[in-house]
Amino acid sequence: MPADYRRMRLRRLPKRQLQSGGDACAAPLDSPVRRIALLRHAEKRGCEQPGQLSGVGHMRAFALPHVLADLSRRDGWLLAPDRLIAAADTPRSRRPSQTLAALGRRLGLRVLQVDAAAALPSSLFDPQILPDWHFAVISWRRSSILRVARLLGAAPQDLPAEWPRELYDQIILLDYDAAGRVQRTRCVRADQEVQLRDG
């Protein structure tokens, strides 16, 4: 195993739980009808191959299905991800799409690549977009991830002022009502769900 790999302590969740997103319980009438999980791509591989995920980055990508399932269970969110979007691959980096690859394989979904942050709202909320979705997961680059959150309806006061260069585990959860308005914005740290430790 390469030296840059680290051991991952991961509490595995049953596949059925990933598919259902949590226990089958009645949702309150004012429950959100759509959710977006916005995250930065996982860790990169040093200066030699900066466009690829590192060993720890691959571990984080592998853990993502379990992290999202655990967050959904705690929230009572009943639906698994049904749309995956990544910042488009470039000659310099494929990290956003690589971060969602394990989740896509687990759920049998392809990862849609979007070229520009400004195109994200229409790729999600255009009424002509089919099939409809309920839980989208977006992997983006640090340089514009907070702009993406604002474009998707998050209020600036609900977001961090900046995204530090060393921060990879933060996930922004956006919950929407039936009219497409953001009901709630939360920033959670995935490393509270999955612990990456030095081997």
Protein backbone atom coordinates (compact mmCIF):
# COMPACT_ATOMS: atom_id res chain seq x y z
CA MET A 1 0.00 0.00 0.00
CA PRO A 2 1.50 3.43 -0.94
CA ALA A 3 2.90 5.47 1.90
CA ASP A 4 0.36 8.30 1.46
CA TYR A 5 -2.53 5.98 2.28
CA ARG A 6 -3.99 6.25 5.78
CA ARG A 7 -6.19 3.88 7.65
CA MET A 8 -9.84 4.70 7.69
CA ARG A 9 -12.11 3.82 10.58
CA LEU A 10 -15.52 3.54 9.00
CA ARG A 11 -18.76 2.41 10.55
CA ARG A 12 -20.35 0.57 7.65
CA LEU A 13 -24.04 1.01 7.00
CA PRO A 14 -26.25 -1.61 5.35
CA LYS A 15 -26.82 -1.05 1.64
CA ARG A 16 -30.57 -0.96 2.18
CA GLN A 17 -30.09 2.00 4.48
CA LEU A 18 -28.14 3.86 1.80
CA GLN A 19 -30.96 3.22 -0.63
CA SER A 20 -33.72 4.35 1.71
CA GLY A 21 -31.81 7.21 3.34
CA GLY A 22 -33.08 6.28 6.80
CA ASP A 23 -35.87 4.62 8.70
CA ALA A 24 -39.25 4.49 7.00
CA CYS A 25 -41.16 6.98 9.11
CA ALA A 26 -43.81 9.53 8.29
CA ALA A 27 -42.35 12.94 7.34
CA PRO A 28 -43.81 16.14 8.79
CA LEU A 29 -45.97 18.19 6.45
CA ASP A 30 -43.39 20.96 6.32
CA SER A 31 -40.50 18.63 5.52
CA PRO A 32 -38.23 19.66 2.64
CA VAL A 33 -38.91 17.99 -0.67
CA ARG A 34 -35.42 18.40 -2.17
CA ARG A 35 -31.89 18.34 -0.80
CA ILE A 36 -28.50 19.27 -2.18
CA ALA A 37 -25.23 18.15 -0.61
CA LEU A 38 -22.44 20.41 -1.85
CA LEU A 39 -18.88 19.32 -1.15
CA ARG A 40 -15.35 20.01 -2.20
CA HIS A 41 -13.50 17.37 -4.16
CA ALA A 42 -11.37 15.06 -2.02
CA GLU A 43 -7.65 15.45 -1.34
CA LYS A 44 -5.24 15.74 -4.25
CA ARG A 45 -2.05 13.87 -4.99
CA GLY A 46 0.96 16.18 -4.35
CA CYS A 47 2.83 18.27 -6.86
CA GLU A 48 3.63 15.36 -9.17
CA GLN A 49 0.01 14.57 -10.07
CA PRO A 50 -2.12 17.45 -8.71
CA GLY A 51 -5.04 16.57 -10.95
CA GLN A 52 -5.62 13.17 -9.32
CA LEU A 53 -6.92 12.11 -5.93
CA SER A 54 -4.39 11.03 -3.33
CA GLY A 55 -4.69 7.85 -1.30
CA VAL A 56 -6.56 9.72 1.44
CA GLY A 57 -8.69 11.35 -1.25
CA HIS A 58 -9.71 7.94 -2.59
CA MET A 59 -10.57 6.82 0.95
CA ARG A 60 -12.74 9.91 1.45
CA ALA A 61 -14.49 9.29 -1.88
CA PHE A 62 -15.08 5.64 -0.90
CA ALA A 63 -16.55 6.76 2.44
CA LEU A 64 -18.93 9.31 0.92
CA PRO A 65 -21.91 6.94 0.40
CA HIS A 66 -21.77 5.95 4.07
CA VAL A 67 -21.37 9.53 5.29
CA LEU A 68 -24.41 10.70 3.31
CA ALA A 69 -26.48 7.73 4.48
CA ASP A 70 -25.61 8.46 8.11
CA LEU A 71 -26.48 12.15 7.78
CA SER A 72 -29.78 11.23 6.11
CA ARG A 73 -30.67 8.76 8.83
CA ARG A 74 -30.05 11.33 11.55
CA ASP A 75 -32.21 13.90 9.72
CA GLY A 76 -35.01 11.49 8.87
CA TRP A 77 -34.35 12.14 5.19
CA LEU A 78 -35.83 9.16 3.37
CA LEU A 79 -34.36 9.37 -0.13
CA ALA A 80 -31.00 8.29 -1.52
CA PRO A 81 -29.08 10.56 -3.91
CA ASP A 82 -30.58 10.48 -7.39
CA ARG A 83 -28.47 13.12 -9.18
CA LEU A 84 -24.69 13.47 -9.13
CA ILE A 85 -22.97 16.56 -10.53
CA ALA A 86 -19.28 17.45 -10.68
CA ALA A 87 -17.25 20.34 -11.97
CA ALA A 88 -16.18 19.26 -15.44
CA ASP A 89 -12.87 17.49 -15.97
CA THR A 90 -10.05 19.67 -17.26
CA PRO A 91 -6.49 18.87 -18.37
CA ARG A 92 -5.39 20.02 -14.90
CA SER A 93 -7.89 18.16 -12.71
CA ARG A 94 -10.40 15.33 -12.65
CA ARG A 95 -10.78 15.40 -8.87
CA PRO A 96 -14.44 16.53 -8.65
CA SER A 97 -15.72 13.66 -10.82
CA GLN A 98 -13.35 11.17 -9.17
CA THR A 99 -14.77 12.15 -5.77
CA LEU A 100 -18.25 11.02 -6.84
CA ALA A 101 -17.17 7.89 -8.71
CA ALA A 102 -17.67 5.44 -5.81
CA LEU A 103 -21.06 6.94 -4.97
CA GLY A 104 -22.11 6.66 -8.62
CA ARG A 105 -21.09 3.01 -8.78
CA ARG A 106 -22.89 2.25 -5.53
CA LEU A 107 -26.15 3.81 -6.73
CA GLY A 108 -25.89 3.00 -10.44
CA LEU A 109 -25.84 6.70 -11.39
CA ARG A 110 -23.66 8.52 -13.88
CA VAL A 111 -21.88 11.71 -12.84
CA LEU A 112 -23.05 14.72 -14.86
CA GLN A 113 -20.21 17.18 -15.51
CA VAL A 114 -20.97 20.90 -15.61
CA ASP A 115 -18.52 23.40 -17.04
CA ALA A 116 -19.37 26.55 -15.08
CA ALA A 117 -20.86 27.39 -11.70
CA ALA A 118 -23.40 29.69 -13.37
CA ALA A 119 -24.87 26.71 -15.25
CA LEU A 120 -25.65 24.73 -12.09
CA PRO A 121 -29.04 26.29 -11.19
CA SER A 122 -30.48 25.61 -14.65
CA SER A 123 -29.06 22.07 -14.67
CA LEU A 124 -31.03 21.39 -11.48
CA PHE A 125 -34.10 23.62 -11.49
CA ASP A 126 -35.02 24.03 -15.16
CA PRO A 127 -38.55 22.55 -15.43
CA GLN A 128 -37.55 20.84 -18.66
CA ILE A 129 -34.90 18.76 -16.88
CA LEU A 130 -35.93 15.11 -16.74
CA PRO A 131 -36.04 12.93 -14.80
CA ASP A 132 -36.94 14.89 -11.71
CA TRP A 133 -34.67 14.60 -8.68
CA HIS A 134 -34.93 14.82 -4.90
CA PHE A 135 -31.37 14.53 -3.60
CA ALA A 136 -28.47 15.94 -5.61
CA VAL A 137 -24.82 15.64 -4.63
CA ILE A 138 -22.43 18.21 -6.12
CA SER A 139 -18.64 17.98 -6.03
CA TRP A 140 -16.90 21.27 -6.83
CA ARG A 141 -13.60 23.13 -6.61
CA ARG A 142 -12.62 25.18 -3.59
CA SER A 143 -12.10 28.40 -5.55
CA SER A 144 -15.80 28.79 -6.36
CA ILE A 145 -17.66 26.44 -4.03
CA LEU A 146 -19.12 29.22 -1.86
CA ARG A 147 -20.28 31.04 -4.99
CA VAL A 148 -22.01 27.83 -6.04
CA ALA A 149 -23.80 27.69 -2.68
CA ARG A 150 -25.05 31.26 -3.13
CA LEU A 151 -26.16 30.55 -6.70
CA LEU A 152 -28.19 27.62 -5.35
CA GLY A 153 -30.01 29.90 -2.91
CA ALA A 154 -27.95 29.82 0.28
CA ALA A 155 -27.95 33.11 2.18
CA PRO A 156 -24.44 34.55 2.66
CA GLN A 157 -24.94 34.76 6.43
CA ASP A 158 -25.54 31.00 6.54
CA LEU A 159 -22.20 30.22 4.88
CA PRO A 160 -18.62 30.44 6.12
CA ALA A 161 -16.75 33.56 5.09
CA GLU A 162 -14.10 31.47 3.35
CA TRP A 163 -13.16 27.88 2.57
CA PRO A 164 -9.64 27.20 3.88
CA ARG A 165 -7.21 25.52 1.52
CA GLU A 166 -6.69 22.57 3.89
CA LEU A 167 -10.42 21.92 4.47
CA TYR A 168 -11.77 18.88 2.61
CA ASP A 169 -14.43 17.36 4.86
CA GLN A 170 -17.04 20.13 5.02
CA ILE A 171 -20.44 19.48 3.41
CA ILE A 172 -23.06 22.18 2.82
CA LEU A 173 -26.59 20.78 3.06
CA LEU A 174 -29.35 22.78 1.38
CA ASP A 175 -32.97 21.75 1.97
CA TYR A 176 -35.70 23.11 -0.32
CA ASP A 177 -39.48 23.41 -0.04
CA ALA A 178 -41.93 22.56 -2.82
CA ALA A 179 -41.63 26.07 -4.25
CA GLY A 180 -37.86 25.72 -4.64
CA ARG A 181 -37.00 28.01 -1.74
CA VAL A 182 -34.14 27.12 0.61
CA GLN A 183 -35.65 26.15 3.96
CA ARG A 184 -32.41 25.40 5.76
CA THR A 185 -28.67 25.65 5.17
CA ARG A 186 -26.20 23.71 7.30
CA CYS A 187 -22.46 23.16 7.19
CA VAL A 188 -21.37 19.81 8.62
CA ARG A 189 -17.93 18.25 9.00
CA ALA A 190 -17.77 14.78 7.46
CA ASP A 191 -14.84 13.78 9.63
CA GLN A 192 -17.30 13.62 12.51
CA GLU A 193 -18.88 10.71 10.60
CA VAL A 194 -15.73 9.12 9.14
CA GLN A 195 -12.35 9.37 10.83
CA LEU A 196 -9.25 9.37 8.67
CA ARG A 197 -6.19 8.55 10.76
CA ASP A 198 -2.51 8.18 10.18
CA GLY A 199 -1.65 4.54 9.72
